Structure formats: C-alpha cells, structure tokens
Amino acid sequence: MRNFLFVYLLILLLPASQAGAVTWNVNPGGTGDAPTILAAIDSCGAGDVIELACGTYHESTTLTTMLTLKSDLTLRSAAGDPACVTIDAQQPTDWGSVLFLDGISNVLIQGLTITGGHAVDVFLSSNGGGAYIHSCQNIRFEDCVFTSNRGRVGGGLYVTDSEVWLEGCEISGNEALVTGGGIGLGGSVQITDCLILDNTAGHGLGPDGSIWGAASSCVLTCCEKDIDQWHVYEGGLLVQDEDCGTVAMEGVDWTDLKAYYR
C-alpha cells in the first residue's frame, strides 16, 4: 500500500507532457488515430507526438483550416525523411500558411516536405507561405524541406519576435512578392547544415533571405548559401564556417558561373 501511494504521488507530480503523452498515428487514407493532421492537432495534448505515415497530405490553407500548432508538440514523419511525407496545400486562392505558429513554445517538426502554401493577400497582410511564426520560443525544424511556397514576405518561412532553429533543412524554390523569398526574418534564427538557394523575391531584395529589426539575428553555420542573395535592412547576419572543412569561394560571379560554399 505504501509503495502504491508513492507511485501515485509521483505520477501526480510529473508534468502533464510526461505523465500522459500520446502518439497520434495519421495516414493519408484517413484511417489512423485521427482522419487528418488538423484533426490530430485539435485533439492532442501537451507533450503529444503526431507521427505521419509516408504519403502526401492535401491539407488546405485558409483562415479556418491552416495547421495551427500548439505548444509542447512534435510533428514528424514516421521515417524521419522529407521524401517520405509531403504536406501539400495545393496553392489555394485563399490566404493561408501551411504551418501557423503564434504565441507558442517547445515545438519540434521533423522530416517533412512543406509545400503549396499561398500567403499573399495584401489586405490581410499575410506572410510566410510555408510557415508563419510569431511570438514563439524554442521552435525547431529538423530535416525538413520548404519548397514551392509563396508569401508576401517570407515565401518559405516568416519569423517575427521568435526564436527558431533549423537543422538539416532545405529551403528552395519559394517566392516572396516583396522580400525574403526563402526566409523573412524579424527575430532570432540559428540555421545549421541547411541549403538555402534558388528562391525569388518580386522586388529583387533578399531572394533567399531578408532580415529587419535591430534585435533580429541570423546565424548560418555550415550551410549551402549565396550571401549575395540576402538583404539585411537592420539586424545581423553571421556566417560561421570555421569548422566545416575545406571552404571554397562564395558569391563570386563569372558570367553564368557562380561559386558557393561547400
């Protein structure tokens, strides 16, 4: 009896994320623990994991159907490979980012391809076709691909007043109508072992990335990039490649030939 009471009290003292964490299995056929990713997000609690079976998920993006994430959540592919799971919003005409994170913390997103976001409605000041991240802490993307997303600012990702980490990700083929085709940044981002190339911006400023705000900072470590394609309005951009092995040249043009790191 004494041992039972001890275990019971220990369970009561555990954080909810440890005491009752659940893994929600979702598949494209809708026969998993929840029929869609959105339904799994709506149902899950703090500390839960949403694990996606291989396939393509046609989650639309409108004001009411964006994948609005919660704090203390993991969203990942079952195989940990972005070639396995694609979340495709199919470029709808309505406003909406694929992933919407606002005022949350402690989120991990792993092994997903995020595409088809369309956040370009100037009347709603929409930004961040692939992901809109505002006032968030400890947001981490690992081994994710952002491609073929559009936004007014931040075609791939739009980050403001937030702390974000990206590792092993690819951000390419995204478009911004104004600036920051790959990333539009007004916060703090640490980017490691990522590829950020071949994005576009309508005004030609910062096709791959744009940074604004005196407190904003972006640290690029061991990334494939072209710094000529970044624009810093205000804030800081730091490249740390001292421990990345042999480094070639970067941002050097010889007519049609361009040299990059790595």
C-alpha atoms as a PDB file:
ATOM      1  CA  MET A   1       0.000   0.000   0.000  1.00  0.00           C
ATOM      2  CA  ARG A   2       2.818   2.363   0.866  1.00  0.00           C
ATOM      3  CA  ASN A   3       4.500   1.684  -2.488  1.00  0.00           C
ATOM      4  CA  PHE A   4       1.221   2.299  -4.302  1.00  0.00           C
ATOM      5  CA  LEU A   5       0.814   5.679  -2.646  1.00  0.00           C
ATOM      6  CA  PHE A   6       4.382   6.618  -3.538  1.00  0.00           C
ATOM      7  CA  VAL A   7       3.864   5.779  -7.224  1.00  0.00           C
ATOM      8  CA  TYR A   8       0.535   7.619  -7.249  1.00  0.00           C
ATOM      9  CA  LEU A   9       2.084  10.761  -5.761  1.00  0.00           C
ATOM     10  CA  LEU A  10       4.969  10.560  -8.239  1.00  0.00           C
ATOM     11  CA  ILE A  11       2.544  10.457 -11.159  1.00  0.00           C
ATOM     12  CA  LEU A  12       0.723  13.496  -9.789  1.00  0.00           C
ATOM     13  CA  LEU A  13       3.991  15.422  -9.600  1.00  0.00           C
ATOM     14  CA  LEU A  14       5.035  14.612 -13.168  1.00  0.00           C
ATOM     15  CA  PRO A  15       4.422  17.301 -15.796  1.00  0.00           C
ATOM     16  CA  ALA A  16       1.432  16.553 -17.998  1.00  0.00           C
ATOM     17  CA  SER A  17       3.750  16.210 -21.012  1.00  0.00           C
ATOM     18  CA  GLN A  18       5.460  13.246 -19.347  1.00  0.00           C
ATOM     19  CA  ALA A  19       2.582  11.674 -17.463  1.00  0.00           C
ATOM     20  CA  GLY A  20       0.116  11.399 -20.342  1.00  0.00           C
ATOM     21  CA  ALA A  21       1.996  11.861 -23.641  1.00  0.00           C
ATOM     22  CA  VAL A  22       0.296  10.149 -26.585  1.00  0.00           C
ATOM     23  CA  THR A  23       1.487   9.326 -30.106  1.00  0.00           C
ATOM     24  CA  TRP A  24      -1.151  10.025 -32.750  1.00  0.00           C
ATOM     25  CA  ASN A  25      -0.642   7.975 -35.932  1.00  0.00           C
ATOM     26  CA  VAL A  26      -2.028   9.637 -39.053  1.00  0.00           C
ATOM     27  CA  ASN A  27      -2.028   8.313 -42.627  1.00  0.00           C
ATOM     28  CA  PRO A  28      -3.117   9.768 -45.981  1.00  0.00           C
ATOM     29  CA  GLY A  29      -6.061   7.380 -46.172  1.00  0.00           C
ATOM     30  CA  GLY A  30      -7.620   8.860 -43.032  1.00  0.00           C
ATOM     31  CA  THR A  31      -7.783   5.558 -41.140  1.00  0.00           C
ATOM     32  CA  GLY A  32      -5.277   6.387 -38.385  1.00  0.00           C
ATOM     33  CA  ASP A  33      -5.898   7.679 -34.873  1.00  0.00           C
ATOM     34  CA  ALA A  34      -7.198  10.896 -36.460  1.00  0.00           C
ATOM     35  CA  PRO A  35      -8.518  11.353 -40.023  1.00  0.00           C
ATOM     36  CA  THR A  36      -6.320  14.369 -40.826  1.00  0.00           C
ATOM     37  CA  ILE A  37      -3.301  16.215 -39.454  1.00  0.00           C
ATOM     38  CA  LEU A  38      -5.569  19.109 -38.480  1.00  0.00           C
ATOM     39  CA  ALA A  39      -7.856  16.765 -36.546  1.00  0.00           C
ATOM     40  CA  ALA A  40      -4.864  15.277 -34.729  1.00  0.00           C
ATOM     41  CA  ILE A  41      -3.626  18.743 -33.755  1.00  0.00           C
ATOM     42  CA  ASP A  42      -7.066  19.694 -32.485  1.00  0.00           C
ATOM     43  CA  SER A  43      -7.239  16.522 -30.368  1.00  0.00           C
ATOM     44  CA  CYS A  44      -3.708  16.266 -28.997  1.00  0.00           C
ATOM     45  CA  GLY A  45      -2.459  17.466 -25.628  1.00  0.00           C
ATOM     46  CA  ALA A  46       0.797  18.839 -24.288  1.00  0.00           C
ATOM     47  CA  GLY A  47       3.740  16.557 -24.960  1.00  0.00           C
ATOM     48  CA  ASP A  48       1.946  14.528 -27.631  1.00  0.00           C
ATOM     49  CA  VAL A  49       3.552  13.349 -30.859  1.00  0.00           C
ATOM     50  CA  ILE A  50       1.810  13.370 -34.241  1.00  0.00           C
ATOM     51  CA  GLU A  51       3.506  10.804 -36.465  1.00  0.00           C
ATOM     52  CA  LEU A  52       2.705  10.800 -40.180  1.00  0.00           C
ATOM     53  CA  ALA A  53       2.852   7.695 -42.348  1.00  0.00           C
ATOM     54  CA  CYS A  54       4.515   8.060 -45.734  1.00  0.00           C
ATOM     55  CA  GLY A  55       2.443   9.777 -48.403  1.00  0.00           C
ATOM     56  CA  THR A  56       1.076  13.155 -49.464  1.00  0.00           C
ATOM     57  CA  TYR A  57      -1.351  15.064 -47.262  1.00  0.00           C
ATOM     58  CA  HIS A  58      -3.510  17.598 -49.078  1.00  0.00           C
ATOM     59  CA  GLU A  59      -4.206  19.881 -46.146  1.00  0.00           C
ATOM     60  CA  SER A  60      -5.702  23.128 -47.448  1.00  0.00           C
ATOM     61  CA  THR A  61      -4.722  26.525 -46.084  1.00  0.00           C
ATOM     62  CA  THR A  62      -7.442  29.046 -45.330  1.00  0.00           C
ATOM     63  CA  LEU A  63      -8.133  31.148 -42.279  1.00  0.00           C
ATOM     64  CA  THR A  64     -10.000  28.229 -40.696  1.00  0.00           C
ATOM     65  CA  THR A  65      -8.052  25.195 -41.926  1.00  0.00           C
ATOM     66  CA  MET A  66      -4.376  26.108 -41.522  1.00  0.00           C
ATOM     67  CA  LEU A  67      -2.310  23.695 -39.457  1.00  0.00           C
ATOM     68  CA  THR A  68      -2.293  25.850 -36.331  1.00  0.00           C
ATOM     69  CA  LEU A  69       0.192  24.199 -33.991  1.00  0.00           C
ATOM     70  CA  LYS A  70       0.146  24.038 -30.183  1.00  0.00           C
ATOM     71  CA  SER A  71       2.855  24.292 -27.545  1.00  0.00           C
ATOM     72  CA  ASP A  72       4.743  21.187 -26.429  1.00  0.00           C
ATOM     73  CA  LEU A  73       4.063  19.265 -29.644  1.00  0.00           C
ATOM     74  CA  THR A  74       6.111  17.094 -32.008  1.00  0.00           C
ATOM     75  CA  LEU A  75       5.025  16.741 -35.652  1.00  0.00           C
ATOM     76  CA  ARG A  76       7.135  14.234 -37.581  1.00  0.00           C
ATOM     77  CA  SER A  77       7.252  11.721 -40.386  1.00  0.00           C
ATOM     78  CA  ALA A  78       7.352   8.087 -39.370  1.00  0.00           C
ATOM     79  CA  ALA A  79      10.514   7.525 -41.425  1.00  0.00           C
ATOM     80  CA  GLY A  80      12.206  10.808 -40.445  1.00  0.00           C
ATOM     81  CA  ASP A  81      12.691  11.552 -44.156  1.00  0.00           C
ATOM     82  CA  PRO A  82      11.140  14.531 -46.001  1.00  0.00           C
ATOM     83  CA  ALA A  83      10.955  12.382 -49.144  1.00  0.00           C
ATOM     84  CA  CYS A  84       8.512  10.183 -47.217  1.00  0.00           C
ATOM     85  CA  VAL A  85       5.932  12.780 -46.132  1.00  0.00           C
ATOM     86  CA  THR A  86       4.669  15.802 -48.078  1.00  0.00           C
ATOM     87  CA  ILE A  87       2.148  18.284 -46.728  1.00  0.00           C
ATOM     88  CA  ASP A  88       0.780  19.954 -49.866  1.00  0.00           C
ATOM     89  CA  ALA A  89      -1.672  22.837 -49.534  1.00  0.00           C
ATOM     90  CA  GLN A  90      -2.094  22.830 -53.332  1.00  0.00           C
ATOM     91  CA  GLN A  91      -1.707  26.606 -53.777  1.00  0.00           C
ATOM     92  CA  PRO A  92      -5.292  27.590 -52.880  1.00  0.00           C
ATOM     93  CA  THR A  93      -6.574  31.030 -53.751  1.00  0.00           C
ATOM     94  CA  ASP A  94      -7.456  31.793 -50.123  1.00  0.00           C
ATOM     95  CA  TRP A  95      -4.972  33.258 -47.657  1.00  0.00           C
ATOM     96  CA  GLY A  96      -3.059  30.830 -45.553  1.00  0.00           C
ATOM     97  CA  SER A  97       0.310  29.449 -44.495  1.00  0.00           C
ATOM     98  CA  VAL A  98       0.798  25.692 -44.365  1.00  0.00           C
ATOM     99  CA  LEU A  99       2.009  25.868 -40.736  1.00  0.00           C
ATOM    100  CA  PHE A 100       0.777  28.621 -38.400  1.00  0.00           C
ATOM    101  CA  LEU A 101       2.595  29.153 -35.081  1.00  0.00           C
ATOM    102  CA  ASP A 102       1.573  32.089 -32.914  1.00  0.00           C
ATOM    103  CA  GLY A 103       2.497  32.610 -29.256  1.00  0.00           C
ATOM    104  CA  ILE A 104       3.552  29.007 -28.620  1.00  0.00           C
ATOM    105  CA  SER A 105       6.714  27.238 -27.480  1.00  0.00           C
ATOM    106  CA  ASN A 106       8.577  23.924 -27.474  1.00  0.00           C
ATOM    107  CA  VAL A 107       7.603  22.591 -30.888  1.00  0.00           C
ATOM    108  CA  LEU A 108       9.641  20.088 -32.907  1.00  0.00           C
ATOM    109  CA  ILE A 109       8.942  19.454 -36.604  1.00  0.00           C
ATOM    110  CA  GLN A 110      10.915  16.610 -38.223  1.00  0.00           C
ATOM    111  CA  GLY A 111      11.298  15.062 -41.657  1.00  0.00           C
ATOM    112  CA  LEU A 112       8.534  16.822 -43.603  1.00  0.00           C
ATOM    113  CA  THR A 113       8.248  18.430 -47.044  1.00  0.00           C
ATOM    114  CA  ILE A 114       6.103  21.555 -46.737  1.00  0.00           C
ATOM    115  CA  THR A 115       4.744  22.923 -49.991  1.00  0.00           C
ATOM    116  CA  GLY A 116       1.840  24.680 -51.661  1.00  0.00           C
ATOM    117  CA  GLY A 117       1.353  27.483 -49.110  1.00  0.00           C
ATOM    118  CA  HIS A 118      -0.128  30.679 -50.536  1.00  0.00           C
ATOM    119  CA  ALA A 119       0.027  33.675 -48.174  1.00  0.00           C
ATOM    120  CA  VAL A 120      -0.152  36.681 -50.470  1.00  0.00           C
ATOM    121  CA  ASP A 121      -3.391  38.506 -49.625  1.00  0.00           C
ATOM    122  CA  VAL A 122      -2.237  42.114 -49.210  1.00  0.00           C
ATOM    123  CA  PHE A 123      -5.476  43.089 -47.464  1.00  0.00           C
ATOM    124  CA  LEU A 124      -4.752  40.636 -44.649  1.00  0.00           C
ATOM    125  CA  SER A 125      -1.006  41.433 -44.608  1.00  0.00           C
ATOM    126  CA  SER A 126      -0.377  37.716 -44.970  1.00  0.00           C
ATOM    127  CA  ASN A 127       3.173  36.382 -44.959  1.00  0.00           C
ATOM    128  CA  GLY A 128       5.001  33.068 -44.680  1.00  0.00           C
ATOM    129  CA  GLY A 129       3.666  30.646 -47.259  1.00  0.00           C
ATOM    130  CA  GLY A 130       5.367  27.596 -45.771  1.00  0.00           C
ATOM    131  CA  ALA A 131       5.347  28.653 -42.113  1.00  0.00           C
ATOM    132  CA  TYR A 132       4.209  31.741 -40.228  1.00  0.00           C
ATOM    133  CA  ILE A 133       5.952  32.017 -36.850  1.00  0.00           C
ATOM    134  CA  HIS A 134       5.157  34.901 -34.491  1.00  0.00           C
ATOM    135  CA  SER A 135       5.983  35.428 -30.792  1.00  0.00           C
ATOM    136  CA  CYS A 136       7.214  31.867 -30.336  1.00  0.00           C
ATOM    137  CA  GLN A 137      10.018  30.278 -28.327  1.00  0.00           C
ATOM    138  CA  ASN A 138      12.039  27.126 -28.951  1.00  0.00           C
ATOM    139  CA  ILE A 139      10.664  26.190 -32.360  1.00  0.00           C
ATOM    140  CA  ARG A 140      12.808  23.557 -34.096  1.00  0.00           C
ATOM    141  CA  PHE A 141      12.764  22.213 -37.635  1.00  0.00           C
ATOM    142  CA  GLU A 142      14.939  19.195 -38.423  1.00  0.00           C
ATOM    143  CA  ASP A 143      15.413  17.582 -41.859  1.00  0.00           C
ATOM    144  CA  CYS A 144      12.522  19.492 -43.432  1.00  0.00           C
ATOM    145  CA  VAL A 145      12.086  20.797 -46.988  1.00  0.00           C
ATOM    146  CA  PHE A 146      10.280  24.053 -47.787  1.00  0.00           C
ATOM    147  CA  THR A 147       9.597  24.371 -51.497  1.00  0.00           C
ATOM    148  CA  SER A 148       7.059  25.941 -53.883  1.00  0.00           C
ATOM    149  CA  ASN A 149       5.503  28.180 -51.230  1.00  0.00           C
ATOM    150  CA  ARG A 150       4.516  31.812 -51.785  1.00  0.00           C
ATOM    151  CA  GLY A 151       4.159  34.722 -49.388  1.00  0.00           C
ATOM    152  CA  ARG A 152       4.003  38.480 -49.468  1.00  0.00           C
ATOM    153  CA  VAL A 153       7.103  38.475 -47.237  1.00  0.00           C
ATOM    154  CA  GLY A 154       8.872  35.211 -46.434  1.00  0.00           C
ATOM    155  CA  GLY A 155       7.895  32.750 -49.131  1.00  0.00           C
ATOM    156  CA  GLY A 156       9.275  29.738 -47.265  1.00  0.00           C
ATOM    157  CA  LEU A 157       9.208  30.977 -43.676  1.00  0.00           C
ATOM    158  CA  TYR A 158       8.210  34.230 -41.979  1.00  0.00           C
ATOM    159  CA  VAL A 159       9.643  34.640 -38.464  1.00  0.00           C
ATOM    160  CA  THR A 160       8.953  37.597 -36.134  1.00  0.00           C
ATOM    161  CA  ASP A 161       9.670  38.057 -32.414  1.00  0.00           C
ATOM    162  CA  SER A 162      10.590  34.377 -32.141  1.00  0.00           C
ATOM    163  CA  GLU A 163      13.476  32.008 -31.509  1.00  0.00           C
ATOM    164  CA  VAL A 164      13.776  29.355 -34.198  1.00  0.00           C
ATOM    165  CA  TRP A 165      16.308  26.622 -35.004  1.00  0.00           C
ATOM    166  CA  LEU A 166      16.680  24.888 -38.368  1.00  0.00           C
ATOM    167  CA  GLU A 167      18.993  21.925 -38.878  1.00  0.00           C
ATOM    168  CA  GLY A 168      19.492  19.797 -41.973  1.00  0.00           C
ATOM    169  CA  CYS A 169      16.721  21.600 -43.875  1.00  0.00           C
ATOM    170  CA  GLU A 170      16.338  22.695 -47.497  1.00  0.00           C
ATOM    171  CA  ILE A 171      14.662  25.987 -48.413  1.00  0.00           C
ATOM    172  CA  SER A 172      14.488  26.369 -52.187  1.00  0.00           C
ATOM    173  CA  GLY A 173      12.057  27.240 -54.955  1.00  0.00           C
ATOM    174  CA  ASN A 174       9.949  29.563 -52.776  1.00  0.00           C
ATOM    175  CA  GLU A 175       8.723  33.027 -53.778  1.00  0.00           C
ATOM    176  CA  ALA A 176       8.010  36.298 -51.974  1.00  0.00           C
ATOM    177  CA  LEU A 177       6.067  39.089 -53.627  1.00  0.00           C
ATOM    178  CA  VAL A 178       8.144  41.686 -51.772  1.00  0.00           C
ATOM    179  CA  THR A 179      11.228  40.335 -49.996  1.00  0.00           C
ATOM    180  CA  GLY A 180      12.624  37.225 -48.339  1.00  0.00           C
ATOM    181  CA  GLY A 181      11.817  34.543 -50.880  1.00  0.00           C
ATOM    182  CA  GLY A 182      13.303  31.824 -48.700  1.00  0.00           C
ATOM    183  CA  ILE A 183      13.121  33.412 -45.237  1.00  0.00           C
ATOM    184  CA  GLY A 184      11.689  36.697 -43.996  1.00  0.00           C
ATOM    185  CA  LEU A 185      13.179  37.314 -40.577  1.00  0.00           C
ATOM    186  CA  GLY A 186      12.375  39.731 -37.790  1.00  0.00           C
ATOM    187  CA  GLY A 187      13.521  37.510 -34.929  1.00  0.00           C
ATOM    188  CA  SER A 188      16.333  35.146 -33.979  1.00  0.00           C
ATOM    189  CA  VAL A 189      17.177  32.125 -36.131  1.00  0.00           C
ATOM    190  CA  GLN A 190      20.011  29.603 -35.862  1.00  0.00           C
ATOM    191  CA  ILE A 191      20.486  27.679 -39.125  1.00  0.00           C
ATOM    192  CA  THR A 192      22.868  24.707 -39.325  1.00  0.00           C
ATOM    193  CA  ASP A 193      23.700  22.331 -42.199  1.00  0.00           C
ATOM    194  CA  CYS A 194      20.916  23.709 -44.375  1.00  0.00           C
ATOM    195  CA  LEU A 195      20.612  24.502 -48.083  1.00  0.00           C
ATOM    196  CA  ILE A 196      19.082  27.909 -48.825  1.00  0.00           C
ATOM    197  CA  LEU A 197      19.273  28.621 -52.553  1.00  0.00           C
ATOM    198  CA  ASP A 198      17.224  29.406 -55.664  1.00  0.00           C
ATOM    199  CA  ASN A 199      14.381  31.330 -54.066  1.00  0.00           C
ATOM    200  CA  THR A 200      12.954  34.521 -55.608  1.00  0.00           C
ATOM    201  CA  ALA A 201      11.619  37.895 -54.452  1.00  0.00           C
ATOM    202  CA  GLY A 202       9.414  40.162 -56.509  1.00  0.00           C
ATOM    203  CA  HIS A 203      11.323  43.364 -55.694  1.00  0.00           C
ATOM    204  CA  GLY A 204      14.667  41.612 -56.078  1.00  0.00           C
ATOM    205  CA  LEU A 205      15.636  42.280 -52.445  1.00  0.00           C
ATOM    206  CA  GLY A 206      16.733  39.242 -50.486  1.00  0.00           C
ATOM    207  CA  PRO A 207      15.601  36.414 -52.763  1.00  0.00           C
ATOM    208  CA  ASP A 208      16.944  33.838 -50.309  1.00  0.00           C
ATOM    209  CA  GLY A 209      16.587  35.843 -47.103  1.00  0.00           C
ATOM    210  CA  SER A 210      15.804  39.244 -45.651  1.00  0.00           C
ATOM    211  CA  ILE A 211      16.405  40.498 -42.105  1.00  0.00           C
ATOM    212  CA  TRP A 212      14.912  43.522 -40.355  1.00  0.00           C
ATOM    213  CA  GLY A 213      14.724  44.858 -36.802  1.00  0.00           C
ATOM    214  CA  ALA A 214      17.642  45.961 -34.643  1.00  0.00           C
ATOM    215  CA  ALA A 215      17.272  42.901 -32.391  1.00  0.00           C
ATOM    216  CA  SER A 216      16.996  40.435 -35.264  1.00  0.00           C
ATOM    217  CA  SER A 217      19.781  37.981 -35.961  1.00  0.00           C
ATOM    218  CA  CYS A 218      20.510  35.057 -38.228  1.00  0.00           C
ATOM    219  CA  VAL A 219      23.448  32.690 -37.755  1.00  0.00           C
ATOM    220  CA  LEU A 220      24.310  30.451 -40.718  1.00  0.00           C
ATOM    221  CA  THR A 221      26.583  27.539 -39.794  1.00  0.00           C
ATOM    222  CA  CYS A 222      27.909  25.125 -42.439  1.00  0.00           C
ATOM    223  CA  CYS A 223      25.103  25.962 -44.878  1.00  0.00           C
ATOM    224  CA  GLU A 224      24.940  25.949 -48.678  1.00  0.00           C
ATOM    225  CA  LYS A 225      24.057  29.527 -49.499  1.00  0.00           C
ATOM    226  CA  ASP A 226      24.816  32.638 -51.520  1.00  0.00           C
ATOM    227  CA  ILE A 227      25.118  35.670 -49.258  1.00  0.00           C
ATOM    228  CA  ASP A 228      24.637  37.924 -52.297  1.00  0.00           C
ATOM    229  CA  GLN A 229      21.021  36.748 -52.275  1.00  0.00           C
ATOM    230  CA  TRP A 230      20.391  38.010 -48.713  1.00  0.00           C
ATOM    231  CA  HIS A 231      19.342  41.536 -47.778  1.00  0.00           C
ATOM    232  CA  VAL A 232      19.845  42.982 -44.290  1.00  0.00           C
ATOM    233  CA  TYR A 233      17.635  46.007 -43.665  1.00  0.00           C
ATOM    234  CA  GLU A 234      18.530  46.062 -39.976  1.00  0.00           C
ATOM    235  CA  GLY A 235      19.885  43.450 -37.591  1.00  0.00           C
ATOM    236  CA  GLY A 236      22.719  40.964 -38.016  1.00  0.00           C
ATOM    237  CA  LEU A 237      23.728  38.142 -40.339  1.00  0.00           C
ATOM    238  CA  LEU A 238      26.612  35.983 -39.142  1.00  0.00           C
ATOM    239  CA  VAL A 239      28.315  33.190 -41.095  1.00  0.00           C
ATOM    240  CA  GLN A 240      30.165  30.576 -39.041  1.00  0.00           C
ATOM    241  CA  ASP A 241      32.018  28.094 -41.244  1.00  0.00           C
ATOM    242  CA  GLU A 242      35.286  27.710 -39.382  1.00  0.00           C
ATOM    243  CA  ASP A 243      34.637  24.058 -38.533  1.00  0.00           C
ATOM    244  CA  CYS A 244      33.057  22.978 -41.811  1.00  0.00           C
ATOM    245  CA  GLY A 245      36.144  21.577 -43.511  1.00  0.00           C
ATOM    246  CA  THR A 246      37.511  23.000 -46.734  1.00  0.00           C
ATOM    247  CA  VAL A 247      35.629  26.103 -47.790  1.00  0.00           C
ATOM    248  CA  ALA A 248      35.611  27.265 -51.384  1.00  0.00           C
ATOM    249  CA  MET A 249      34.543  30.703 -52.552  1.00  0.00           C
ATOM    250  CA  GLU A 250      31.165  32.263 -52.005  1.00  0.00           C
ATOM    251  CA  GLY A 251      29.066  34.687 -54.003  1.00  0.00           C
ATOM    252  CA  VAL A 252      31.578  35.078 -56.822  1.00  0.00           C
ATOM    253  CA  ASP A 253      30.165  35.591 -60.303  1.00  0.00           C
ATOM    254  CA  TRP A 254      31.929  34.718 -63.543  1.00  0.00           C
ATOM    255  CA  THR A 255      29.171  35.385 -66.050  1.00  0.00           C
ATOM    256  CA  ASP A 256      26.986  32.261 -65.729  1.00  0.00           C
ATOM    257  CA  LEU A 257      29.215  30.505 -63.221  1.00  0.00           C
ATOM    258  CA  LYS A 258      28.725  31.056 -59.513  1.00  0.00           C
ATOM    259  CA  ALA A 259      30.752  29.554 -56.677  1.00  0.00           C
ATOM    260  CA  TYR A 260      29.199  28.660 -53.335  1.00  0.00           C
ATOM    261  CA  TYR A 261      30.377  27.295 -50.039  1.00  0.00           C
ATOM    262  CA  ARG A 262      30.631  23.517 -49.727  1.00  0.00           C
END
